[in-house]
Amino acid sequence: MYGLHIIRCATNKSKCIISRPRGVASGGNLNHDMCFSISGNVIENVESWPHLGHVITDNASDKLDVLSRRGSFIGQVNNVICWFSKLDCCMKTRLLRAYCFSFYGCELWDLSNLHVQGLCVAWRQALRRIWKLPCNCHAAILERLSGAVSLFDSLCNRSLNFVQKCLTCDNILVDCCVTTCSIL
């Protein structure tokens, strides 16, 4: 015999996001017309909300997530440069890659989003600061000096690896999603 279990939900931490296709503008009062509740507590409707380090939006735009990651990245770069100012440029570049290169989930970003380019600009600026180069130093020189490929190339590589793994995955659910996406 099973005992009675009471499940409690922290409704103050729960939010409702009504999804719309990419590119569709906010539907005015659409978010306010629908009302959900759990245990008598109303769940707030929002257009965006941070979840597990990502910013999820109602229109599946990557803009807020990329901007959030860019801000975090710039803060991490400042910490590396401040705390390790006495180290040589090669070591600071290695630290930059080790501690500031965590772009978990970037495989799902729309790489044509202009804000991804803004993140890449921040990456090049960080390399210029570490190597004490002028702001007009060409990106190809940065790659040669630092021994690092461009951030955009790394993001593309991650995205392609993700797609390749999805296409060759044996999981039936992933296969169904891949098949459905290829039909669209």
C-alpha atoms as a PDB file:
ATOM      1  CA  MET A   1       0.000   0.000   0.000  1.00  0.00           C
ATOM      2  CA  TYR A   2       1.282   3.414  -0.933  1.00  0.00           C
ATOM      3  CA  GLY A   3       1.186   6.326   1.477  1.00  0.00           C
ATOM      4  CA  LEU A   4      -0.280   9.710   0.712  1.00  0.00           C
ATOM      5  CA  HIS A   5       2.354  12.043  -0.763  1.00  0.00           C
ATOM      6  CA  ILE A   6       1.910  15.775  -0.744  1.00  0.00           C
ATOM      7  CA  ILE A   7       3.720  17.549  -3.518  1.00  0.00           C
ATOM      8  CA  ARG A   8       4.442  21.195  -2.974  1.00  0.00           C
ATOM      9  CA  CYS A   9       5.501  23.533  -5.738  1.00  0.00           C
ATOM     10  CA  ALA A  10       7.376  26.803  -5.219  1.00  0.00           C
ATOM     11  CA  THR A  11       5.097  28.904  -7.394  1.00  0.00           C
ATOM     12  CA  ASN A  12       7.141  32.037  -6.739  1.00  0.00           C
ATOM     13  CA  LYS A  13       9.972  30.369  -8.696  1.00  0.00           C
ATOM     14  CA  SER A  14       7.686  29.180 -11.498  1.00  0.00           C
ATOM     15  CA  LYS A  15       6.935  31.289 -14.560  1.00  0.00           C
ATOM     16  CA  CYS A  16       4.829  30.775 -17.659  1.00  0.00           C
ATOM     17  CA  ILE A  17       6.226  31.585 -21.098  1.00  0.00           C
ATOM     18  CA  ILE A  18       3.851  31.293 -24.028  1.00  0.00           C
ATOM     19  CA  SER A  19       5.985  30.329 -27.031  1.00  0.00           C
ATOM     20  CA  ARG A  20       5.602  31.888 -30.437  1.00  0.00           C
ATOM     21  CA  PRO A  21       7.481  31.112 -33.652  1.00  0.00           C
ATOM     22  CA  ARG A  22      10.776  32.950 -34.241  1.00  0.00           C
ATOM     23  CA  GLY A  23      10.283  36.400 -35.676  1.00  0.00           C
ATOM     24  CA  VAL A  24       6.646  36.775 -34.572  1.00  0.00           C
ATOM     25  CA  ALA A  25       6.118  39.960 -32.567  1.00  0.00           C
ATOM     26  CA  SER A  26       4.638  39.867 -29.075  1.00  0.00           C
ATOM     27  CA  GLY A  27       0.909  39.260 -29.189  1.00  0.00           C
ATOM     28  CA  GLY A  28      -0.118  42.276 -27.136  1.00  0.00           C
ATOM     29  CA  ASN A  29      -2.202  40.984 -24.227  1.00  0.00           C
ATOM     30  CA  LEU A  30      -1.851  37.346 -25.244  1.00  0.00           C
ATOM     31  CA  ASN A  31       0.322  36.629 -22.206  1.00  0.00           C
ATOM     32  CA  HIS A  32      -2.213  38.258 -19.902  1.00  0.00           C
ATOM     33  CA  ASP A  33      -5.265  36.489 -21.366  1.00  0.00           C
ATOM     34  CA  MET A  34      -4.087  33.062 -20.211  1.00  0.00           C
ATOM     35  CA  CYS A  35      -3.860  32.298 -16.523  1.00  0.00           C
ATOM     36  CA  PHE A  36      -2.339  29.186 -14.961  1.00  0.00           C
ATOM     37  CA  SER A  37      -2.333  28.263 -11.313  1.00  0.00           C
ATOM     38  CA  ILE A  38      -0.830  25.551  -9.133  1.00  0.00           C
ATOM     39  CA  SER A  39      -2.434  24.786  -5.776  1.00  0.00           C
ATOM     40  CA  GLY A  40      -4.441  27.985  -6.070  1.00  0.00           C
ATOM     41  CA  ASN A  41      -1.360  30.152  -6.682  1.00  0.00           C
ATOM     42  CA  VAL A  42      -1.312  32.061  -9.973  1.00  0.00           C
ATOM     43  CA  ILE A  43       1.781  31.547 -12.150  1.00  0.00           C
ATOM     44  CA  GLU A  44       3.171  34.800 -13.535  1.00  0.00           C
ATOM     45  CA  ASN A  45       3.293  35.157 -17.333  1.00  0.00           C
ATOM     46  CA  VAL A  46       6.639  36.470 -18.618  1.00  0.00           C
ATOM     47  CA  GLU A  47       8.231  37.118 -22.018  1.00  0.00           C
ATOM     48  CA  SER A  48      11.695  35.928 -20.900  1.00  0.00           C
ATOM     49  CA  TRP A  49      13.200  34.161 -17.907  1.00  0.00           C
ATOM     50  CA  PRO A  50      16.656  32.860 -16.944  1.00  0.00           C
ATOM     51  CA  HIS A  51      16.802  29.068 -16.590  1.00  0.00           C
ATOM     52  CA  LEU A  52      19.916  26.948 -15.977  1.00  0.00           C
ATOM     53  CA  GLY A  53      22.215  29.727 -17.156  1.00  0.00           C
ATOM     54  CA  HIS A  54      20.242  30.544 -20.292  1.00  0.00           C
ATOM     55  CA  VAL A  55      17.683  33.233 -21.025  1.00  0.00           C
ATOM     56  CA  ILE A  56      14.582  31.623 -22.521  1.00  0.00           C
ATOM     57  CA  THR A  57      12.247  33.909 -24.459  1.00  0.00           C
ATOM     58  CA  ASP A  58       8.724  33.575 -25.757  1.00  0.00           C
ATOM     59  CA  ASN A  59       9.827  33.944 -29.396  1.00  0.00           C
ATOM     60  CA  ALA A  60      12.850  31.588 -29.175  1.00  0.00           C
ATOM     61  CA  SER A  61      15.230  34.454 -29.923  1.00  0.00           C
ATOM     62  CA  ASP A  62      18.838  33.997 -28.901  1.00  0.00           C
ATOM     63  CA  LYS A  63      19.407  37.725 -28.426  1.00  0.00           C
ATOM     64  CA  LEU A  64      19.012  37.917 -24.639  1.00  0.00           C
ATOM     65  CA  ASP A  65      20.918  34.668 -24.074  1.00  0.00           C
ATOM     66  CA  VAL A  66      23.861  35.800 -26.224  1.00  0.00           C
ATOM     67  CA  LEU A  67      23.905  39.254 -24.588  1.00  0.00           C
ATOM     68  CA  SER A  68      23.872  37.632 -21.156  1.00  0.00           C
ATOM     69  CA  ARG A  69      26.755  35.345 -22.122  1.00  0.00           C
ATOM     70  CA  ARG A  70      28.673  38.303 -23.567  1.00  0.00           C
ATOM     71  CA  GLY A  71      28.309  40.202 -20.296  1.00  0.00           C
ATOM     72  CA  SER A  72      29.465  37.181 -18.289  1.00  0.00           C
ATOM     73  CA  PHE A  73      32.380  36.664 -20.649  1.00  0.00           C
ATOM     74  CA  ILE A  74      33.552  40.275 -20.320  1.00  0.00           C
ATOM     75  CA  GLY A  75      33.419  39.984 -16.518  1.00  0.00           C
ATOM     76  CA  GLN A  76      35.437  36.755 -16.615  1.00  0.00           C
ATOM     77  CA  VAL A  77      38.019  38.346 -18.933  1.00  0.00           C
ATOM     78  CA  ASN A  78      38.400  41.297 -16.574  1.00  0.00           C
ATOM     79  CA  ASN A  79      38.988  38.873 -13.699  1.00  0.00           C
ATOM     80  CA  VAL A  80      41.663  36.945 -15.607  1.00  0.00           C
ATOM     81  CA  ILE A  81      43.454  40.135 -16.632  1.00  0.00           C
ATOM     82  CA  CYS A  82      43.240  41.599 -13.106  1.00  0.00           C
ATOM     83  CA  TRP A  83      44.196  38.536 -11.080  1.00  0.00           C
ATOM     84  CA  PHE A  84      46.891  37.267 -13.426  1.00  0.00           C
ATOM     85  CA  SER A  85      48.382  40.556 -14.614  1.00  0.00           C
ATOM     86  CA  LYS A  86      51.952  39.430 -13.835  1.00  0.00           C
ATOM     87  CA  LEU A  87      51.802  36.361 -16.116  1.00  0.00           C
ATOM     88  CA  ASP A  88      53.038  36.382 -19.703  1.00  0.00           C
ATOM     89  CA  CYS A  89      50.633  36.698 -22.635  1.00  0.00           C
ATOM     90  CA  CYS A  90      50.774  33.011 -23.572  1.00  0.00           C
ATOM     91  CA  MET A  91      49.731  31.905 -20.097  1.00  0.00           C
ATOM     92  CA  LYS A  92      46.961  34.521 -19.909  1.00  0.00           C
ATOM     93  CA  THR A  93      45.654  33.286 -23.274  1.00  0.00           C
ATOM     94  CA  ARG A  94      45.587  29.725 -21.928  1.00  0.00           C
ATOM     95  CA  LEU A  95      43.713  30.961 -18.846  1.00  0.00           C
ATOM     96  CA  LEU A  96      41.301  32.867 -21.084  1.00  0.00           C
ATOM     97  CA  ARG A  97      40.486  29.685 -22.998  1.00  0.00           C
ATOM     98  CA  ALA A  98      40.249  27.600 -19.806  1.00  0.00           C
ATOM     99  CA  TYR A  99      38.138  29.934 -17.662  1.00  0.00           C
ATOM    100  CA  CYS A 100      36.267  32.197 -20.068  1.00  0.00           C
ATOM    101  CA  PHE A 101      35.412  29.874 -22.963  1.00  0.00           C
ATOM    102  CA  SER A 102      32.390  28.178 -21.419  1.00  0.00           C
ATOM    103  CA  PHE A 103      29.582  28.789 -23.881  1.00  0.00           C
ATOM    104  CA  TYR A 104      27.436  25.829 -22.858  1.00  0.00           C
ATOM    105  CA  GLY A 105      24.378  25.607 -25.108  1.00  0.00           C
ATOM    106  CA  CYS A 106      25.829  27.738 -27.911  1.00  0.00           C
ATOM    107  CA  GLU A 107      25.262  24.775 -30.253  1.00  0.00           C
ATOM    108  CA  LEU A 108      21.599  25.794 -30.392  1.00  0.00           C
ATOM    109  CA  TRP A 109      22.181  29.484 -31.150  1.00  0.00           C
ATOM    110  CA  ASP A 110      21.261  30.982 -34.500  1.00  0.00           C
ATOM    111  CA  LEU A 111      24.791  31.853 -35.649  1.00  0.00           C
ATOM    112  CA  SER A 112      23.466  34.479 -38.069  1.00  0.00           C
ATOM    113  CA  ASN A 113      22.236  36.495 -35.057  1.00  0.00           C
ATOM    114  CA  LEU A 114      24.044  39.858 -34.982  1.00  0.00           C
ATOM    115  CA  HIS A 115      24.628  39.527 -31.239  1.00  0.00           C
ATOM    116  CA  VAL A 116      26.797  36.448 -31.840  1.00  0.00           C
ATOM    117  CA  GLN A 117      29.070  38.744 -33.841  1.00  0.00           C
ATOM    118  CA  GLY A 118      29.110  41.107 -30.839  1.00  0.00           C
ATOM    119  CA  LEU A 119      30.325  38.226 -28.671  1.00  0.00           C
ATOM    120  CA  CYS A 120      33.048  37.482 -31.232  1.00  0.00           C
ATOM    121  CA  VAL A 121      34.104  41.156 -31.130  1.00  0.00           C
ATOM    122  CA  ALA A 122      34.376  40.904 -27.327  1.00  0.00           C
ATOM    123  CA  TRP A 123      36.574  37.793 -27.754  1.00  0.00           C
ATOM    124  CA  ARG A 124      38.919  39.626 -30.140  1.00  0.00           C
ATOM    125  CA  GLN A 125      39.024  42.634 -27.806  1.00  0.00           C
ATOM    126  CA  ALA A 126      39.991  40.330 -24.943  1.00  0.00           C
ATOM    127  CA  LEU A 127      42.851  38.866 -26.982  1.00  0.00           C
ATOM    128  CA  ARG A 128      44.033  42.368 -27.916  1.00  0.00           C
ATOM    129  CA  ARG A 129      43.991  43.388 -24.246  1.00  0.00           C
ATOM    130  CA  ILE A 130      45.944  40.313 -23.181  1.00  0.00           C
ATOM    131  CA  TRP A 131      48.539  40.759 -25.922  1.00  0.00           C
ATOM    132  CA  LYS A 132      48.561  44.579 -25.470  1.00  0.00           C
ATOM    133  CA  LEU A 133      47.842  45.135 -29.155  1.00  0.00           C
ATOM    134  CA  PRO A 134      46.199  48.185 -30.726  1.00  0.00           C
ATOM    135  CA  CYS A 135      42.463  48.018 -31.393  1.00  0.00           C
ATOM    136  CA  ASN A 136      43.042  48.040 -35.161  1.00  0.00           C
ATOM    137  CA  CYS A 137      45.173  44.883 -35.091  1.00  0.00           C
ATOM    138  CA  HIS A 138      43.819  42.422 -37.672  1.00  0.00           C
ATOM    139  CA  ALA A 139      41.980  39.330 -36.422  1.00  0.00           C
ATOM    140  CA  ALA A 140      44.295  37.027 -38.422  1.00  0.00           C
ATOM    141  CA  ILE A 141      47.259  38.343 -36.449  1.00  0.00           C
ATOM    142  CA  LEU A 142      45.387  37.664 -33.204  1.00  0.00           C
ATOM    143  CA  GLU A 143      44.786  34.063 -34.219  1.00  0.00           C
ATOM    144  CA  ARG A 144      48.462  33.545 -35.108  1.00  0.00           C
ATOM    145  CA  LEU A 145      49.783  35.146 -31.921  1.00  0.00           C
ATOM    146  CA  SER A 146      47.391  33.441 -29.557  1.00  0.00           C
ATOM    147  CA  GLY A 147      47.307  30.081 -31.310  1.00  0.00           C
ATOM    148  CA  ALA A 148      43.525  30.116 -30.990  1.00  0.00           C
ATOM    149  CA  VAL A 149      40.991  29.838 -33.783  1.00  0.00           C
ATOM    150  CA  SER A 150      38.368  32.536 -33.973  1.00  0.00           C
ATOM    151  CA  LEU A 151      35.457  32.286 -31.580  1.00  0.00           C
ATOM    152  CA  PHE A 152      33.009  32.176 -34.498  1.00  0.00           C
ATOM    153  CA  ASP A 153      34.863  29.197 -35.984  1.00  0.00           C
ATOM    154  CA  SER A 154      34.692  27.460 -32.594  1.00  0.00           C
ATOM    155  CA  LEU A 155      30.954  28.137 -32.309  1.00  0.00           C
ATOM    156  CA  CYS A 156      30.392  26.819 -35.847  1.00  0.00           C
ATOM    157  CA  ASN A 157      32.446  23.724 -35.054  1.00  0.00           C
ATOM    158  CA  ARG A 158      30.382  23.052 -31.928  1.00  0.00           C
ATOM    159  CA  SER A 159      27.127  23.491 -33.875  1.00  0.00           C
ATOM    160  CA  LEU A 160      28.256  21.162 -36.651  1.00  0.00           C
ATOM    161  CA  ASN A 161      29.379  18.528 -34.135  1.00  0.00           C
ATOM    162  CA  PHE A 162      25.969  18.766 -32.434  1.00  0.00           C
ATOM    163  CA  VAL A 163      24.119  18.336 -35.740  1.00  0.00           C
ATOM    164  CA  GLN A 164      26.369  15.429 -36.750  1.00  0.00           C
ATOM    165  CA  LYS A 165      25.778  13.679 -33.420  1.00  0.00           C
ATOM    166  CA  CYS A 166      22.009  14.173 -33.769  1.00  0.00           C
ATOM    167  CA  LEU A 167      22.053  12.742 -37.294  1.00  0.00           C
ATOM    168  CA  THR A 168      23.967   9.630 -36.205  1.00  0.00           C
ATOM    169  CA  CYS A 169      22.263   9.119 -32.839  1.00  0.00           C
ATOM    170  CA  ASP A 170      20.598   5.757 -32.146  1.00  0.00           C
ATOM    171  CA  ASN A 171      18.014   7.246 -29.766  1.00  0.00           C
ATOM    172  CA  ILE A 172      14.510   6.915 -31.226  1.00  0.00           C
ATOM    173  CA  LEU A 173      13.337  10.255 -29.799  1.00  0.00           C
ATOM    174  CA  VAL A 174      16.304  12.151 -31.275  1.00  0.00           C
ATOM    175  CA  ASP A 175      15.796  10.317 -34.581  1.00  0.00           C
ATOM    176  CA  CYS A 176      12.134  11.376 -34.607  1.00  0.00           C
ATOM    177  CA  CYS A 177      13.103  15.029 -34.003  1.00  0.00           C
ATOM    178  CA  VAL A 178      15.762  14.918 -36.734  1.00  0.00           C
ATOM    179  CA  THR A 179      13.326  13.323 -39.177  1.00  0.00           C
ATOM    180  CA  THR A 180      10.630  15.890 -38.358  1.00  0.00           C
ATOM    181  CA  CYS A 181      13.093  18.796 -38.761  1.00  0.00           C
ATOM    182  CA  SER A 182      14.387  17.485 -42.093  1.00  0.00           C
ATOM    183  CA  ILE A 183      10.825  17.357 -43.450  1.00  0.00           C
ATOM    184  CA  LEU A 184      10.230  20.996 -42.511  1.00  0.00           C
END
